[in-house]
């Protein structure tokens, strides 16, 4: 089941909801805070996990113990 992000136009609450694949064409969900049935689906990015790629700032630094 995909996870979608929504925002409520009534109270401004942002929330996530797991949606069955048969309901992925729906653009609205009920707000868990105020019950507004017209919370709009937001565009979101995919989450990426794993340590295969590292940015240069997080890469380990090699220190030479010998003289040049």
PDB file of N, CA and C in Angstrom:
ATOM      1  N   UNK A   1       0.845  -1.180   0.000  1.00  0.00           N
ATOM      2  CA  UNK A   1       0.000   0.000   0.000  1.00  0.00           C
ATOM      3  C   UNK A   1       0.887   1.238   0.000  1.00  0.00           C
ATOM      4  N   UNK A   2       0.603   2.182  -0.886  1.00  0.00           N
ATOM      5  CA  UNK A   2       1.386   3.417  -0.910  1.00  0.00           C
ATOM      6  C   UNK A   2       1.028   4.337   0.258  1.00  0.00           C
ATOM      7  N   UNK A   3       1.992   5.126   0.661  1.00  0.00           N
ATOM      8  CA  UNK A   3       1.813   6.115   1.718  1.00  0.00           C
ATOM      9  C   UNK A   3       1.725   7.482   1.055  1.00  0.00           C
ATOM     10  N   UNK A   4       0.624   8.195   1.287  1.00  0.00           N
ATOM     11  CA  UNK A   4       0.431   9.512   0.701  1.00  0.00           C
ATOM     12  C   UNK A   4       0.430  10.579   1.779  1.00  0.00           C
ATOM     13  N   UNK A   5       0.846  11.789   1.417  1.00  0.00           N
ATOM     14  CA  UNK A   5       0.809  12.936   2.315  1.00  0.00           C
ATOM     15  C   UNK A   5      -0.380  13.805   1.938  1.00  0.00           C
ATOM     16  N   UNK A   6      -1.066  14.329   2.957  1.00  0.00           N
ATOM     17  CA  UNK A   6      -2.241  15.183   2.760  1.00  0.00           C
ATOM     18  C   UNK A   6      -2.103  16.430   3.608  1.00  0.00           C
ATOM     19  N   UNK A   7      -2.841  17.490   3.226  1.00  0.00           N
ATOM     20  CA  UNK A   7      -2.945  18.700   4.045  1.00  0.00           C
ATOM     21  C   UNK A   7      -4.420  19.080   4.109  1.00  0.00           C
ATOM     22  N   UNK A   8      -4.874  19.446   5.299  1.00  0.00           N
ATOM     23  CA  UNK A   8      -6.268  19.814   5.510  1.00  0.00           C
ATOM     24  C   UNK A   8      -6.439  21.315   5.260  1.00  0.00           C
ATOM     25  N   UNK A   9      -7.387  21.700   4.398  1.00  0.00           N
ATOM     26  CA  UNK A   9      -7.606  23.125   4.151  1.00  0.00           C
ATOM     27  C   UNK A   9      -8.305  23.818   5.326  1.00  0.00           C
ATOM     28  N   UNK A  10      -8.957  23.050   6.195  1.00  0.00           N
ATOM     29  CA  UNK A  10      -9.671  23.630   7.328  1.00  0.00           C
ATOM     30  C   UNK A  10      -8.765  24.005   8.486  1.00  0.00           C
ATOM     31  N   UNK A  11      -7.971  23.045   8.952  1.00  0.00           N
ATOM     32  CA  UNK A  11      -7.137  23.294  10.138  1.00  0.00           C
ATOM     33  C   UNK A  11      -5.645  23.378   9.815  1.00  0.00           C
ATOM     34  N   UNK A  12      -5.249  23.078   8.571  1.00  0.00           N
ATOM     35  CA  UNK A  12      -3.840  23.174   8.180  1.00  0.00           C
ATOM     36  C   UNK A  12      -2.994  21.982   8.594  1.00  0.00           C
ATOM     37  N   UNK A  13      -3.601  20.945   9.143  1.00  0.00           N
ATOM     38  CA  UNK A  13      -2.876  19.758   9.596  1.00  0.00           C
ATOM     39  C   UNK A  13      -2.282  18.999   8.411  1.00  0.00           C
ATOM     40  N   UNK A  14      -0.996  18.637   8.512  1.00  0.00           N
ATOM     41  CA  UNK A  14      -0.352  17.752   7.535  1.00  0.00           C
ATOM     42  C   UNK A  14      -0.368  16.349   8.128  1.00  0.00           C
ATOM     43  N   UNK A  15      -0.717  15.352   7.312  1.00  0.00           N
ATOM     44  CA  UNK A  15      -0.730  13.982   7.802  1.00  0.00           C
ATOM     45  C   UNK A  15      -0.459  13.021   6.660  1.00  0.00           C
ATOM     46  N   UNK A  16      -0.102  11.788   7.027  1.00  0.00           N
ATOM     47  CA  UNK A  16       0.166  10.731   6.064  1.00  0.00           C
ATOM     48  C   UNK A  16      -0.887   9.652   6.235  1.00  0.00           C
ATOM     49  N   UNK A  17      -1.186   8.952   5.140  1.00  0.00           N
ATOM     50  CA  UNK A  17      -2.178   7.890   5.198  1.00  0.00           C
ATOM     51  C   UNK A  17      -1.799   6.779   4.233  1.00  0.00           C
ATOM     52  N   UNK A  18      -1.872   5.533   4.721  1.00  0.00           N
ATOM     53  CA  UNK A  18      -1.687   4.379   3.849  1.00  0.00           C
ATOM     54  C   UNK A  18      -2.975   4.180   3.069  1.00  0.00           C
ATOM     55  N   UNK A  19      -2.862   4.031   1.757  1.00  0.00           N
ATOM     56  CA  UNK A  19      -4.035   3.934   0.896  1.00  0.00           C
ATOM     57  C   UNK A  19      -3.976   2.607   0.145  1.00  0.00           C
ATOM     58  N   UNK A  20      -5.095   1.906   0.138  1.00  0.00           N
ATOM     59  CA  UNK A  20      -5.163   0.656  -0.635  1.00  0.00           C
ATOM     60  C   UNK A  20      -4.947   0.974  -2.108  1.00  0.00           C
ATOM     61  N   UNK A  21      -4.317   0.057  -2.824  1.00  0.00           N
ATOM     62  CA  UNK A  21      -4.009   0.312  -4.229  1.00  0.00           C
ATOM     63  C   UNK A  21      -5.274   0.507  -5.067  1.00  0.00           C
ATOM     64  N   UNK A  22      -6.411  -0.010  -4.631  1.00  0.00           N
ATOM     65  CA  UNK A  22      -7.663   0.203  -5.367  1.00  0.00           C
ATOM     66  C   UNK A  22      -8.211   1.615  -5.160  1.00  0.00           C
ATOM     67  N   UNK A  23      -7.656   2.365  -4.189  1.00  0.00           N
ATOM     68  CA  UNK A  23      -8.126   3.717  -3.887  1.00  0.00           C
ATOM     69  C   UNK A  23      -7.090   4.794  -4.201  1.00  0.00           C
ATOM     70  N   UNK A  24      -6.030   4.457  -4.930  1.00  0.00           N
ATOM     71  CA  UNK A  24      -4.963   5.423  -5.191  1.00  0.00           C
ATOM     72  C   UNK A  24      -5.384   6.548  -6.117  1.00  0.00           C
ATOM     73  N   UNK A  25      -6.513   6.410  -6.814  1.00  0.00           N
ATOM     74  CA  UNK A  25      -6.968   7.482  -7.691  1.00  0.00           C
ATOM     75  C   UNK A  25      -7.717   8.571  -6.921  1.00  0.00           C
ATOM     76  N   UNK A  26      -7.973   8.364  -5.647  1.00  0.00           N
ATOM     77  CA  UNK A  26      -8.639   9.380  -4.826  1.00  0.00           C
ATOM     78  C   UNK A  26      -7.645  10.481  -4.469  1.00  0.00           C
ATOM     79  N   UNK A  27      -8.079  11.733  -4.569  1.00  0.00           N
ATOM     80  CA  UNK A  27      -7.207  12.854  -4.240  1.00  0.00           C
ATOM     81  C   UNK A  27      -7.506  13.445  -2.870  1.00  0.00           C
ATOM     82  N   UNK A  28      -8.518  12.913  -2.175  1.00  0.00           N
ATOM     83  CA  UNK A  28      -8.923  13.474  -0.884  1.00  0.00           C
ATOM     84  C   UNK A  28      -8.938  12.397   0.191  1.00  0.00           C
ATOM     85  N   UNK A  29      -8.745  12.824   1.448  1.00  0.00           N
ATOM     86  CA  UNK A  29      -8.823  11.930   2.604  1.00  0.00           C
ATOM     87  C   UNK A  29      -9.382  12.723   3.775  1.00  0.00           C
ATOM     88  N   UNK A  30      -9.908  12.022   4.768  1.00  0.00           N
ATOM     89  CA  UNK A  30     -10.455  12.697   5.944  1.00  0.00           C
ATOM     90  C   UNK A  30      -9.342  13.081   6.909  1.00  0.00           C
ATOM     91  N   UNK A  31      -9.386  14.325   7.376  1.00  0.00           N
ATOM     92  CA  UNK A  31      -8.393  14.826   8.320  1.00  0.00           C
ATOM     93  C   UNK A  31      -8.593  14.152   9.681  1.00  0.00           C
ATOM     94  N   UNK A  32      -7.530  13.589  10.269  1.00  0.00           N
ATOM     95  CA  UNK A  32      -7.666  12.940  11.571  1.00  0.00           C
ATOM     96  C   UNK A  32      -7.853  13.934  12.715  1.00  0.00           C
ATOM     97  N   UNK A  33      -7.546  15.218  12.491  1.00  0.00           N
ATOM     98  CA  UNK A  33      -7.674  16.226  13.542  1.00  0.00           C
ATOM     99  C   UNK A  33      -9.072  16.825  13.606  1.00  0.00           C
ATOM    100  N   UNK A  34      -9.586  17.314  12.465  1.00  0.00           N
ATOM    101  CA  UNK A  34     -10.881  17.998  12.477  1.00  0.00           C
ATOM    102  C   UNK A  34     -11.983  17.248  11.742  1.00  0.00           C
ATOM    103  N   UNK A  35     -11.640  16.174  11.016  1.00  0.00           N
ATOM    104  CA  UNK A  35     -12.642  15.379  10.318  1.00  0.00           C
ATOM    105  C   UNK A  35     -13.054  15.901   8.957  1.00  0.00           C
ATOM    106  N   UNK A  36     -12.411  16.943   8.461  1.00  0.00           N
ATOM    107  CA  UNK A  36     -12.712  17.495   7.139  1.00  0.00           C
ATOM    108  C   UNK A  36     -12.458  16.411   6.082  1.00  0.00           C
ATOM    109  N   UNK A  37     -13.469  16.061   5.265  1.00  0.00           N
ATOM    110  CA  UNK A  37     -13.286  14.988   4.273  1.00  0.00           C
ATOM    111  C   UNK A  37     -12.546  15.433   3.015  1.00  0.00           C
ATOM    112  N   UNK A  38     -12.157  16.689   2.920  1.00  0.00           N
ATOM    113  CA  UNK A  38     -11.545  17.211   1.688  1.00  0.00           C
ATOM    114  C   UNK A  38     -10.087  17.603   1.856  1.00  0.00           C
ATOM    115  N   UNK A  39      -9.322  16.852   2.626  1.00  0.00           N
ATOM    116  CA  UNK A  39      -7.890  17.100   2.738  1.00  0.00           C
ATOM    117  C   UNK A  39      -7.236  16.679   1.432  1.00  0.00           C
ATOM    118  N   UNK A  40      -6.439  17.563   0.867  1.00  0.00           N
ATOM    119  CA  UNK A  40      -5.876  17.349  -0.469  1.00  0.00           C
ATOM    120  C   UNK A  40      -4.543  16.613  -0.412  1.00  0.00           C
ATOM    121  N   UNK A  41      -4.369  15.683  -1.358  1.00  0.00           N
ATOM    122  CA  UNK A  41      -3.116  14.950  -1.469  1.00  0.00           C
ATOM    123  C   UNK A  41      -2.019  15.896  -1.937  1.00  0.00           C
ATOM    124  N   UNK A  42      -0.838  15.750  -1.363  1.00  0.00           N
ATOM    125  CA  UNK A  42       0.311  16.582  -1.698  1.00  0.00           C
ATOM    126  C   UNK A  42       1.309  15.793  -2.532  1.00  0.00           C
ATOM    127  N   UNK A  43       2.111  16.498  -3.281  1.00  0.00           N
ATOM    128  CA  UNK A  43       3.202  15.877  -4.024  1.00  0.00           C
ATOM    129  C   UNK A  43       4.335  15.650  -3.040  1.00  0.00           C
ATOM    130  N   UNK A  44       4.859  14.447  -3.019  1.00  0.00           N
ATOM    131  CA  UNK A  44       5.955  14.146  -2.103  1.00  0.00           C
ATOM    132  C   UNK A  44       7.047  13.400  -2.849  1.00  0.00           C
ATOM    133  N   UNK A  45       8.183  13.257  -2.186  1.00  0.00           N
ATOM    134  CA  UNK A  45       9.316  12.567  -2.790  1.00  0.00           C
ATOM    135  C   UNK A  45       9.406  11.153  -2.240  1.00  0.00           C
ATOM    136  N   UNK A  46      10.150  10.311  -2.916  1.00  0.00           N
ATOM    137  CA  UNK A  46      10.359   8.959  -2.458  1.00  0.00           C
ATOM    138  C   UNK A  46      11.428   8.953  -1.375  1.00  0.00           C
ATOM    139  N   UNK A  47      11.239   8.106  -0.390  1.00  0.00           N
ATOM    140  CA  UNK A  47      12.253   7.942   0.647  1.00  0.00           C
ATOM    141  C   UNK A  47      13.295   6.955   0.154  1.00  0.00           C
ATOM    142  N   UNK A  48      14.547   7.255   0.422  1.00  0.00           N
ATOM    143  CA  UNK A  48      15.633   6.374   0.016  1.00  0.00           C
ATOM    144  C   UNK A  48      16.396   6.000   1.271  1.00  0.00           C
ATOM    145  N   UNK A  49      16.628   4.719   1.443  1.00  0.00           N
ATOM    146  CA  UNK A  49      17.405   4.298   2.599  1.00  0.00           C
ATOM    147  C   UNK A  49      18.573   3.452   2.129  1.00  0.00           C
ATOM    148  N   UNK A  50      19.527   3.288   2.990  1.00  0.00           N
ATOM    149  CA  UNK A  50      20.703   2.494   2.647  1.00  0.00           C
ATOM    150  C   UNK A  50      21.947   3.358   2.687  1.00  0.00           C
ATOM    151  N   UNK A  51      23.085   2.731   2.713  1.00  0.00           N
ATOM    152  CA  UNK A  51      24.335   3.465   2.825  1.00  0.00           C
ATOM    153  C   UNK A  51      25.232   3.307   1.617  1.00  0.00           C
ATOM    154  N   UNK A  52      24.669   2.945   0.481  1.00  0.00           N
ATOM    155  CA  UNK A  52      25.491   2.686  -0.703  1.00  0.00           C
ATOM    156  C   UNK A  52      26.184   3.934  -1.209  1.00  0.00           C
ATOM    157  N   UNK A  53      25.509   5.060  -1.159  1.00  0.00           N
ATOM    158  CA  UNK A  53      26.148   6.278  -1.656  1.00  0.00           C
ATOM    159  C   UNK A  53      26.319   7.256  -0.509  1.00  0.00           C
ATOM    160  N   UNK A  54      27.427   7.953  -0.532  1.00  0.00           N
ATOM    161  CA  UNK A  54      27.731   8.935   0.511  1.00  0.00           C
ATOM    162  C   UNK A  54      28.053  10.264  -0.137  1.00  0.00           C
ATOM    163  N   UNK A  55      27.705  11.307   0.532  1.00  0.00           N
ATOM    164  CA  UNK A  55      28.114  12.621   0.029  1.00  0.00           C
ATOM    165  C   UNK A  55      29.553  12.869   0.454  1.00  0.00           C
ATOM    166  N   UNK A  56      30.193  13.802  -0.181  1.00  0.00           N
ATOM    167  CA  UNK A  56      31.597  14.096   0.113  1.00  0.00           C
ATOM    168  C   UNK A  56      31.789  14.552   1.550  1.00  0.00           C
ATOM    169  N   UNK A  57      30.811  15.247   2.121  1.00  0.00           N
ATOM    170  CA  UNK A  57      30.963  15.759   3.477  1.00  0.00           C
ATOM    171  C   UNK A  57      30.855  14.661   4.528  1.00  0.00           C
ATOM    172  N   UNK A  58      30.241  13.514   4.190  1.00  0.00           N
ATOM    173  CA  UNK A  58      30.108  12.448   5.173  1.00  0.00           C
ATOM    174  C   UNK A  58      31.121  11.321   4.963  1.00  0.00           C
ATOM    175  N   UNK A  59      31.932  11.435   3.925  1.00  0.00           N
ATOM    176  CA  UNK A  59      32.923  10.404   3.650  1.00  0.00           C
ATOM    177  C   UNK A  59      34.049  10.477   4.676  1.00  0.00           C
ATOM    178  N   UNK A  60      34.603   9.326   5.061  1.00  0.00           N
ATOM    179  CA  UNK A  60      35.705   9.345   6.021  1.00  0.00           C
ATOM    180  C   UNK A  60      36.949   9.994   5.414  1.00  0.00           C
ATOM    181  N   UNK A  61      37.732  10.602   6.256  1.00  0.00           N
ATOM    182  CA  UNK A  61      38.950  11.285   5.830  1.00  0.00           C
ATOM    183  C   UNK A  61      40.138  10.386   6.158  1.00  0.00           C
ATOM    184  N   UNK A  62      41.011  10.179   5.163  1.00  0.00           N
ATOM    185  CA  UNK A  62      42.209   9.371   5.414  1.00  0.00           C
ATOM    186  C   UNK A  62      43.320  10.263   5.915  1.00  0.00           C
ATOM    187  N   UNK A  63      43.978   9.790   6.949  1.00  0.00           N
ATOM    188  CA  UNK A  63      45.100  10.537   7.514  1.00  0.00           C
ATOM    189  C   UNK A  63      46.332   9.668   7.396  1.00  0.00           C
ATOM    190  N   UNK A  64      47.360  10.203   6.779  1.00  0.00           N
ATOM    191  CA  UNK A  64      48.609   9.462   6.606  1.00  0.00           C
ATOM    192  C   UNK A  64      49.452   9.606   7.859  1.00  0.00           C
ATOM    193  N   UNK A  65      49.946   8.486   8.374  1.00  0.00           N
ATOM    194  CA  UNK A  65      50.775   8.550   9.574  1.00  0.00           C
ATOM    195  C   UNK A  65      52.261   8.645   9.249  1.00  0.00           C
ATOM    196  N   UNK A  66      52.610   8.428   7.993  1.00  0.00           N
ATOM    197  CA  UNK A  66      54.008   8.478   7.594  1.00  0.00           C
ATOM    198  C   UNK A  66      54.408   9.875   7.134  1.00  0.00           C
ATOM    199  N   UNK A  67      55.710  10.104   6.977  1.00  0.00           N
ATOM    200  CA  UNK A  67      56.173  11.400   6.497  1.00  0.00           C
ATOM    201  C   UNK A  67      56.177  11.404   4.971  1.00  0.00           C
ATOM    202  N   UNK A  68      56.118  12.586   4.394  1.00  0.00           N
ATOM    203  CA  UNK A  68      56.085  12.726   2.935  1.00  0.00           C
ATOM    204  C   UNK A  68      57.444  12.720   2.415  1.00  0.00           C
TER     205      UNK A  68
END
